[in-house]
């Protein structure tokens, strides 16, 4: 492939990615106290409803406290809704591990589970945990396994006592979710996740 052709292909790919990222039909909401906000877009696909949302808040907690709290996967059940089981199942390195989540879905949805690969990246004044669904036969219970799941947790230091928490989600839950359930969960659901994460990591 010639240099000109290669450059053209790269340009087209980058342009396509940029257009797609700006193509979201965001609905933007704030919490009543103005401390947290969420923007979300729900897209009907063949597999089900594709959830895209970004929730943000600030909390009186340090990066080190968040790092210690979040790195313990068993703590995730305390800030994620309807997720009674969250645990590490394989440590790959200090910055990489596999985790298992079990989702106890509200009626009329069916329960489901997922195996996730976590990556931890630490930069100056910033800490990022990326969670991606991965193939695994671990604990393959009699429930359907979620396969489309990418969530990015970003913690950014504001000052010595305050951290900005951003939860960037992109996933397709198992099953067909009724509209009334979706309406009752947005925007309070994502805001509750980041708020609980900030408050529980302080204890």
C-alpha atoms as a PDB file:
ATOM      1  CA  UNK A   1       0.000   0.000   0.000  1.00  0.00           C
ATOM      2  CA  UNK A   2       1.363   3.394  -0.968  1.00  0.00           C
ATOM      3  CA  UNK A   3       1.970   6.056   1.677  1.00  0.00           C
ATOM      4  CA  UNK A   4      -0.736   8.270   0.126  1.00  0.00           C
ATOM      5  CA  UNK A   5      -3.296   5.461   0.151  1.00  0.00           C
ATOM      6  CA  UNK A   6      -2.391   4.463   3.733  1.00  0.00           C
ATOM      7  CA  UNK A   7      -2.723   8.085   4.903  1.00  0.00           C
ATOM      8  CA  UNK A   8      -6.109   8.370   3.198  1.00  0.00           C
ATOM      9  CA  UNK A   9      -7.384   5.201   4.910  1.00  0.00           C
ATOM     10  CA  UNK A  10      -6.232   6.445   8.335  1.00  0.00           C
ATOM     11  CA  UNK A  11      -7.895   9.824   7.717  1.00  0.00           C
ATOM     12  CA  UNK A  12     -11.200   8.184   6.763  1.00  0.00           C
ATOM     13  CA  UNK A  13     -11.125   5.946   9.859  1.00  0.00           C
ATOM     14  CA  UNK A  14     -10.377   8.846  12.190  1.00  0.00           C
ATOM     15  CA  UNK A  15     -13.064  10.980  10.590  1.00  0.00           C
ATOM     16  CA  UNK A  16     -15.567   8.152  10.947  1.00  0.00           C
ATOM     17  CA  UNK A  17     -14.728   7.714  14.635  1.00  0.00           C
ATOM     18  CA  UNK A  18     -15.049  11.449  15.247  1.00  0.00           C
ATOM     19  CA  UNK A  19     -18.409  11.636  13.508  1.00  0.00           C
ATOM     20  CA  UNK A  20     -19.721   8.619  15.438  1.00  0.00           C
ATOM     21  CA  UNK A  21     -18.615  10.062  18.776  1.00  0.00           C
ATOM     22  CA  UNK A  22     -20.418  13.324  18.000  1.00  0.00           C
ATOM     23  CA  UNK A  23     -23.469  11.523  16.622  1.00  0.00           C
ATOM     24  CA  UNK A  24     -24.952  10.641  20.006  1.00  0.00           C
ATOM     25  CA  UNK A  25     -28.372  12.116  20.664  1.00  0.00           C
ATOM     26  CA  UNK A  26     -27.570  13.074  24.241  1.00  0.00           C
ATOM     27  CA  UNK A  27     -30.192  13.887  26.852  1.00  0.00           C
ATOM     28  CA  UNK A  28     -28.525  15.918  29.621  1.00  0.00           C
ATOM     29  CA  UNK A  29     -29.796  16.057  33.219  1.00  0.00           C
ATOM     30  CA  UNK A  30     -28.468  17.359  36.534  1.00  0.00           C
ATOM     31  CA  UNK A  31     -29.105  16.238  40.104  1.00  0.00           C
ATOM     32  CA  UNK A  32     -31.295  18.488  42.231  1.00  0.00           C
ATOM     33  CA  UNK A  33     -28.278  19.783  44.183  1.00  0.00           C
ATOM     34  CA  UNK A  34     -26.394  20.529  40.949  1.00  0.00           C
ATOM     35  CA  UNK A  35     -23.426  18.457  42.142  1.00  0.00           C
ATOM     36  CA  UNK A  36     -23.841  15.622  39.645  1.00  0.00           C
ATOM     37  CA  UNK A  37     -24.910  15.340  36.023  1.00  0.00           C
ATOM     38  CA  UNK A  38     -25.526  12.664  33.443  1.00  0.00           C
ATOM     39  CA  UNK A  39     -25.924  12.597  29.677  1.00  0.00           C
ATOM     40  CA  UNK A  40     -27.389   9.532  28.039  1.00  0.00           C
ATOM     41  CA  UNK A  41     -28.514   8.061  24.743  1.00  0.00           C
ATOM     42  CA  UNK A  42     -30.499   4.833  24.337  1.00  0.00           C
ATOM     43  CA  UNK A  43     -30.349   3.082  20.975  1.00  0.00           C
ATOM     44  CA  UNK A  44     -32.545   0.160  19.909  1.00  0.00           C
ATOM     45  CA  UNK A  45     -30.460  -2.567  18.273  1.00  0.00           C
ATOM     46  CA  UNK A  46     -31.009  -6.177  17.251  1.00  0.00           C
ATOM     47  CA  UNK A  47     -29.383  -7.425  20.475  1.00  0.00           C
ATOM     48  CA  UNK A  48     -31.452  -5.116  22.662  1.00  0.00           C
ATOM     49  CA  UNK A  49     -31.279  -1.566  24.004  1.00  0.00           C
ATOM     50  CA  UNK A  50     -27.777  -0.104  23.796  1.00  0.00           C
ATOM     51  CA  UNK A  51     -27.048   2.101  26.796  1.00  0.00           C
ATOM     52  CA  UNK A  52     -24.646   4.994  26.340  1.00  0.00           C
ATOM     53  CA  UNK A  53     -24.229   7.348  29.277  1.00  0.00           C
ATOM     54  CA  UNK A  54     -21.680   9.469  31.103  1.00  0.00           C
ATOM     55  CA  UNK A  55     -22.246  10.387  34.759  1.00  0.00           C
ATOM     56  CA  UNK A  56     -20.080  12.868  36.648  1.00  0.00           C
ATOM     57  CA  UNK A  57     -19.799  14.106  40.216  1.00  0.00           C
ATOM     58  CA  UNK A  58     -17.211  15.449  42.661  1.00  0.00           C
ATOM     59  CA  UNK A  59     -16.489  13.878  46.039  1.00  0.00           C
ATOM     60  CA  UNK A  60     -14.470  14.717  49.133  1.00  0.00           C
ATOM     61  CA  UNK A  61     -12.108  11.802  48.645  1.00  0.00           C
ATOM     62  CA  UNK A  62      -8.485  11.421  47.542  1.00  0.00           C
ATOM     63  CA  UNK A  63      -7.163   9.526  44.543  1.00  0.00           C
ATOM     64  CA  UNK A  64      -5.379   7.074  46.869  1.00  0.00           C
ATOM     65  CA  UNK A  65      -8.619   6.348  48.739  1.00  0.00           C
ATOM     66  CA  UNK A  66     -10.468   5.734  45.477  1.00  0.00           C
ATOM     67  CA  UNK A  67      -7.622   3.569  44.190  1.00  0.00           C
ATOM     68  CA  UNK A  68      -7.656   1.361  47.289  1.00  0.00           C
ATOM     69  CA  UNK A  69     -11.443   1.101  47.349  1.00  0.00           C
ATOM     70  CA  UNK A  70     -12.028   0.445  43.653  1.00  0.00           C
ATOM     71  CA  UNK A  71      -9.133  -2.011  43.251  1.00  0.00           C
ATOM     72  CA  UNK A  72     -10.994  -4.320  45.640  1.00  0.00           C
ATOM     73  CA  UNK A  73     -13.619  -5.729  43.266  1.00  0.00           C
ATOM     74  CA  UNK A  74     -15.792  -6.999  46.126  1.00  0.00           C
ATOM     75  CA  UNK A  75     -16.598  -3.321  46.849  1.00  0.00           C
ATOM     76  CA  UNK A  76     -18.273  -2.833  43.462  1.00  0.00           C
ATOM     77  CA  UNK A  77     -21.544  -4.372  44.647  1.00  0.00           C
ATOM     78  CA  UNK A  78     -21.953  -1.459  47.061  1.00  0.00           C
ATOM     79  CA  UNK A  79     -22.251   1.196  44.337  1.00  0.00           C
ATOM     80  CA  UNK A  80     -23.668  -0.824  41.414  1.00  0.00           C
ATOM     81  CA  UNK A  81     -27.412  -1.485  41.476  1.00  0.00           C
ATOM     82  CA  UNK A  82     -28.803  -5.040  41.442  1.00  0.00           C
ATOM     83  CA  UNK A  83     -25.313  -6.557  41.455  1.00  0.00           C
ATOM     84  CA  UNK A  84     -25.088  -8.717  44.598  1.00  0.00           C
ATOM     85  CA  UNK A  85     -21.925 -10.543  43.528  1.00  0.00           C
ATOM     86  CA  UNK A  86     -18.746  -8.792  42.374  1.00  0.00           C
ATOM     87  CA  UNK A  87     -15.389 -10.461  42.844  1.00  0.00           C
ATOM     88  CA  UNK A  88     -11.907 -10.820  41.418  1.00  0.00           C
ATOM     89  CA  UNK A  89     -11.367 -14.234  39.866  1.00  0.00           C
ATOM     90  CA  UNK A  90      -7.839 -13.923  38.427  1.00  0.00           C
ATOM     91  CA  UNK A  91      -5.004 -11.494  39.080  1.00  0.00           C
ATOM     92  CA  UNK A  92      -3.015 -10.976  35.881  1.00  0.00           C
ATOM     93  CA  UNK A  93      -0.721  -8.208  37.167  1.00  0.00           C
ATOM     94  CA  UNK A  94      -0.824  -5.262  39.571  1.00  0.00           C
ATOM     95  CA  UNK A  95      -2.753  -3.320  36.925  1.00  0.00           C
ATOM     96  CA  UNK A  96      -4.813  -6.070  35.294  1.00  0.00           C
ATOM     97  CA  UNK A  97      -7.304  -8.606  36.592  1.00  0.00           C
ATOM     98  CA  UNK A  98     -10.430 -10.574  35.706  1.00  0.00           C
ATOM     99  CA  UNK A  99     -13.650 -10.035  37.635  1.00  0.00           C
ATOM    100  CA  UNK A 100     -17.050 -11.692  37.822  1.00  0.00           C
ATOM    101  CA  UNK A 101     -20.362  -9.845  38.240  1.00  0.00           C
ATOM    102  CA  UNK A 102     -23.764 -11.408  38.826  1.00  0.00           C
ATOM    103  CA  UNK A 103     -26.756  -9.197  37.999  1.00  0.00           C
ATOM    104  CA  UNK A 104     -29.964  -9.763  39.964  1.00  0.00           C
ATOM    105  CA  UNK A 105     -32.276  -7.964  37.562  1.00  0.00           C
ATOM    106  CA  UNK A 106     -35.628  -6.514  38.681  1.00  0.00           C
ATOM    107  CA  UNK A 107     -38.822  -8.089  37.376  1.00  0.00           C
ATOM    108  CA  UNK A 108     -39.653  -8.688  34.543  1.00  0.00           C
ATOM    109  CA  UNK A 109     -35.996  -8.985  33.449  1.00  0.00           C
ATOM    110  CA  UNK A 110     -33.957 -12.169  33.698  1.00  0.00           C
ATOM    111  CA  UNK A 111     -30.801 -12.417  35.794  1.00  0.00           C
ATOM    112  CA  UNK A 112     -27.480 -12.376  33.944  1.00  0.00           C
ATOM    113  CA  UNK A 113     -23.749 -12.370  34.557  1.00  0.00           C
ATOM    114  CA  UNK A 114     -20.483 -11.220  33.017  1.00  0.00           C
ATOM    115  CA  UNK A 115     -16.737 -11.753  33.162  1.00  0.00           C
ATOM    116  CA  UNK A 116     -14.789  -8.514  32.885  1.00  0.00           C
ATOM    117  CA  UNK A 117     -11.162  -7.667  32.269  1.00  0.00           C
ATOM    118  CA  UNK A 118     -10.018  -4.614  34.230  1.00  0.00           C
ATOM    119  CA  UNK A 119      -7.074  -2.413  33.275  1.00  0.00           C
ATOM    120  CA  UNK A 120      -5.727   0.204  35.684  1.00  0.00           C
ATOM    121  CA  UNK A 121      -3.794   3.226  34.364  1.00  0.00           C
ATOM    122  CA  UNK A 122      -2.295   5.859  36.635  1.00  0.00           C
ATOM    123  CA  UNK A 123      -1.241   9.260  35.307  1.00  0.00           C
ATOM    124  CA  UNK A 124      -0.370  12.508  37.013  1.00  0.00           C
ATOM    125  CA  UNK A 125      -3.450  13.557  39.014  1.00  0.00           C
ATOM    126  CA  UNK A 126      -5.593  10.969  37.201  1.00  0.00           C
ATOM    127  CA  UNK A 127      -6.542   7.333  37.635  1.00  0.00           C
ATOM    128  CA  UNK A 128      -8.434   5.319  34.993  1.00  0.00           C
ATOM    129  CA  UNK A 129     -10.005   1.861  35.296  1.00  0.00           C
ATOM    130  CA  UNK A 130     -11.272   0.337  32.047  1.00  0.00           C
ATOM    131  CA  UNK A 131     -13.645  -2.635  32.197  1.00  0.00           C
ATOM    132  CA  UNK A 132     -14.309  -4.761  29.115  1.00  0.00           C
ATOM    133  CA  UNK A 133     -16.392  -7.918  28.729  1.00  0.00           C
ATOM    134  CA  UNK A 134     -14.225 -10.921  27.962  1.00  0.00           C
ATOM    135  CA  UNK A 135     -14.933 -14.516  26.948  1.00  0.00           C
ATOM    136  CA  UNK A 136     -14.743 -17.016  29.781  1.00  0.00           C
ATOM    137  CA  UNK A 137     -16.420 -20.206  30.944  1.00  0.00           C
ATOM    138  CA  UNK A 138     -16.066 -19.177  34.582  1.00  0.00           C
ATOM    139  CA  UNK A 139     -19.114 -20.025  36.704  1.00  0.00           C
ATOM    140  CA  UNK A 140     -21.298 -20.395  33.647  1.00  0.00           C
ATOM    141  CA  UNK A 141     -24.531 -20.436  35.631  1.00  0.00           C
ATOM    142  CA  UNK A 142     -27.961 -20.984  34.164  1.00  0.00           C
ATOM    143  CA  UNK A 143     -28.220 -17.333  33.120  1.00  0.00           C
ATOM    144  CA  UNK A 144     -27.420 -15.460  29.933  1.00  0.00           C
ATOM    145  CA  UNK A 145     -24.017 -13.800  29.831  1.00  0.00           C
ATOM    146  CA  UNK A 146     -23.657 -10.147  28.845  1.00  0.00           C
ATOM    147  CA  UNK A 147     -21.195  -9.775  25.960  1.00  0.00           C
ATOM    148  CA  UNK A 148     -21.317  -6.076  25.005  1.00  0.00           C
ATOM    149  CA  UNK A 149     -19.881  -4.109  27.916  1.00  0.00           C
ATOM    150  CA  UNK A 150     -17.300  -1.350  28.156  1.00  0.00           C
ATOM    151  CA  UNK A 151     -17.178   0.956  31.159  1.00  0.00           C
ATOM    152  CA  UNK A 152     -14.491   3.527  31.954  1.00  0.00           C
ATOM    153  CA  UNK A 153     -14.086   4.906  35.468  1.00  0.00           C
ATOM    154  CA  UNK A 154     -12.010   8.070  35.538  1.00  0.00           C
ATOM    155  CA  UNK A 155     -10.880   9.716  38.774  1.00  0.00           C
ATOM    156  CA  UNK A 156      -9.249  13.133  38.465  1.00  0.00           C
ATOM    157  CA  UNK A 157      -7.697  15.082  41.330  1.00  0.00           C
ATOM    158  CA  UNK A 158      -9.187  18.551  41.783  1.00  0.00           C
ATOM    159  CA  UNK A 159      -7.231  19.383  44.934  1.00  0.00           C
ATOM    160  CA  UNK A 160      -5.870  17.548  47.988  1.00  0.00           C
ATOM    161  CA  UNK A 161      -9.343  16.620  49.252  1.00  0.00           C
ATOM    162  CA  UNK A 162     -11.595  16.641  46.170  1.00  0.00           C
ATOM    163  CA  UNK A 163     -11.789  14.291  43.190  1.00  0.00           C
ATOM    164  CA  UNK A 164     -13.916  14.365  40.044  1.00  0.00           C
ATOM    165  CA  UNK A 165     -15.516  10.981  39.304  1.00  0.00           C
ATOM    166  CA  UNK A 166     -16.613  10.133  35.749  1.00  0.00           C
ATOM    167  CA  UNK A 167     -18.439   6.939  34.803  1.00  0.00           C
ATOM    168  CA  UNK A 168     -18.538   6.346  31.042  1.00  0.00           C
ATOM    169  CA  UNK A 169     -20.756   3.398  30.095  1.00  0.00           C
ATOM    170  CA  UNK A 170     -21.364   1.597  26.797  1.00  0.00           C
ATOM    171  CA  UNK A 171     -23.229  -1.715  27.093  1.00  0.00           C
ATOM    172  CA  UNK A 172     -26.229  -3.801  26.077  1.00  0.00           C
ATOM    173  CA  UNK A 173     -28.096  -5.448  28.972  1.00  0.00           C
ATOM    174  CA  UNK A 174     -29.477  -8.930  28.501  1.00  0.00           C
ATOM    175  CA  UNK A 175     -33.102  -9.131  27.353  1.00  0.00           C
ATOM    176  CA  UNK A 176     -35.655  -6.635  26.159  1.00  0.00           C
ATOM    177  CA  UNK A 177     -36.075  -3.880  28.758  1.00  0.00           C
ATOM    178  CA  UNK A 178     -39.536  -2.318  29.020  1.00  0.00           C
ATOM    179  CA  UNK A 179     -39.639   1.429  28.447  1.00  0.00           C
ATOM    180  CA  UNK A 180     -41.173   2.112  31.864  1.00  0.00           C
ATOM    181  CA  UNK A 181     -38.125   0.562  33.577  1.00  0.00           C
ATOM    182  CA  UNK A 182     -35.714   2.615  31.499  1.00  0.00           C
ATOM    183  CA  UNK A 183     -37.641   5.796  32.255  1.00  0.00           C
ATOM    184  CA  UNK A 184     -37.545   5.144  35.991  1.00  0.00           C
ATOM    185  CA  UNK A 185     -33.794   4.477  35.960  1.00  0.00           C
ATOM    186  CA  UNK A 186     -32.595   7.538  34.013  1.00  0.00           C
ATOM    187  CA  UNK A 187     -31.157   9.886  35.076  1.00  0.00           C
ATOM    188  CA  UNK A 188     -31.201   8.889  38.778  1.00  0.00           C
ATOM    189  CA  UNK A 189     -29.543   5.478  38.274  1.00  0.00           C
ATOM    190  CA  UNK A 190     -26.208   6.635  36.822  1.00  0.00           C
ATOM    191  CA  UNK A 191     -26.038   9.607  39.208  1.00  0.00           C
ATOM    192  CA  UNK A 192     -26.579   7.243  42.139  1.00  0.00           C
ATOM    193  CA  UNK A 193     -23.648   5.083  40.969  1.00  0.00           C
ATOM    194  CA  UNK A 194     -21.095   7.907  40.968  1.00  0.00           C
ATOM    195  CA  UNK A 195     -22.488   9.404  44.169  1.00  0.00           C
ATOM    196  CA  UNK A 196     -22.285   6.077  46.033  1.00  0.00           C
ATOM    197  CA  UNK A 197     -18.807   5.446  44.668  1.00  0.00           C
ATOM    198  CA  UNK A 198     -17.639   8.795  46.026  1.00  0.00           C
ATOM    199  CA  UNK A 199     -19.258   8.428  49.437  1.00  0.00           C
ATOM    200  CA  UNK A 200     -18.460   4.772  50.126  1.00  0.00           C
ATOM    201  CA  UNK A 201     -14.786   5.098  49.172  1.00  0.00           C
ATOM    202  CA  UNK A 202     -14.358   7.568  52.029  1.00  0.00           C
ATOM    203  CA  UNK A 203     -15.276   5.042  54.709  1.00  0.00           C
END
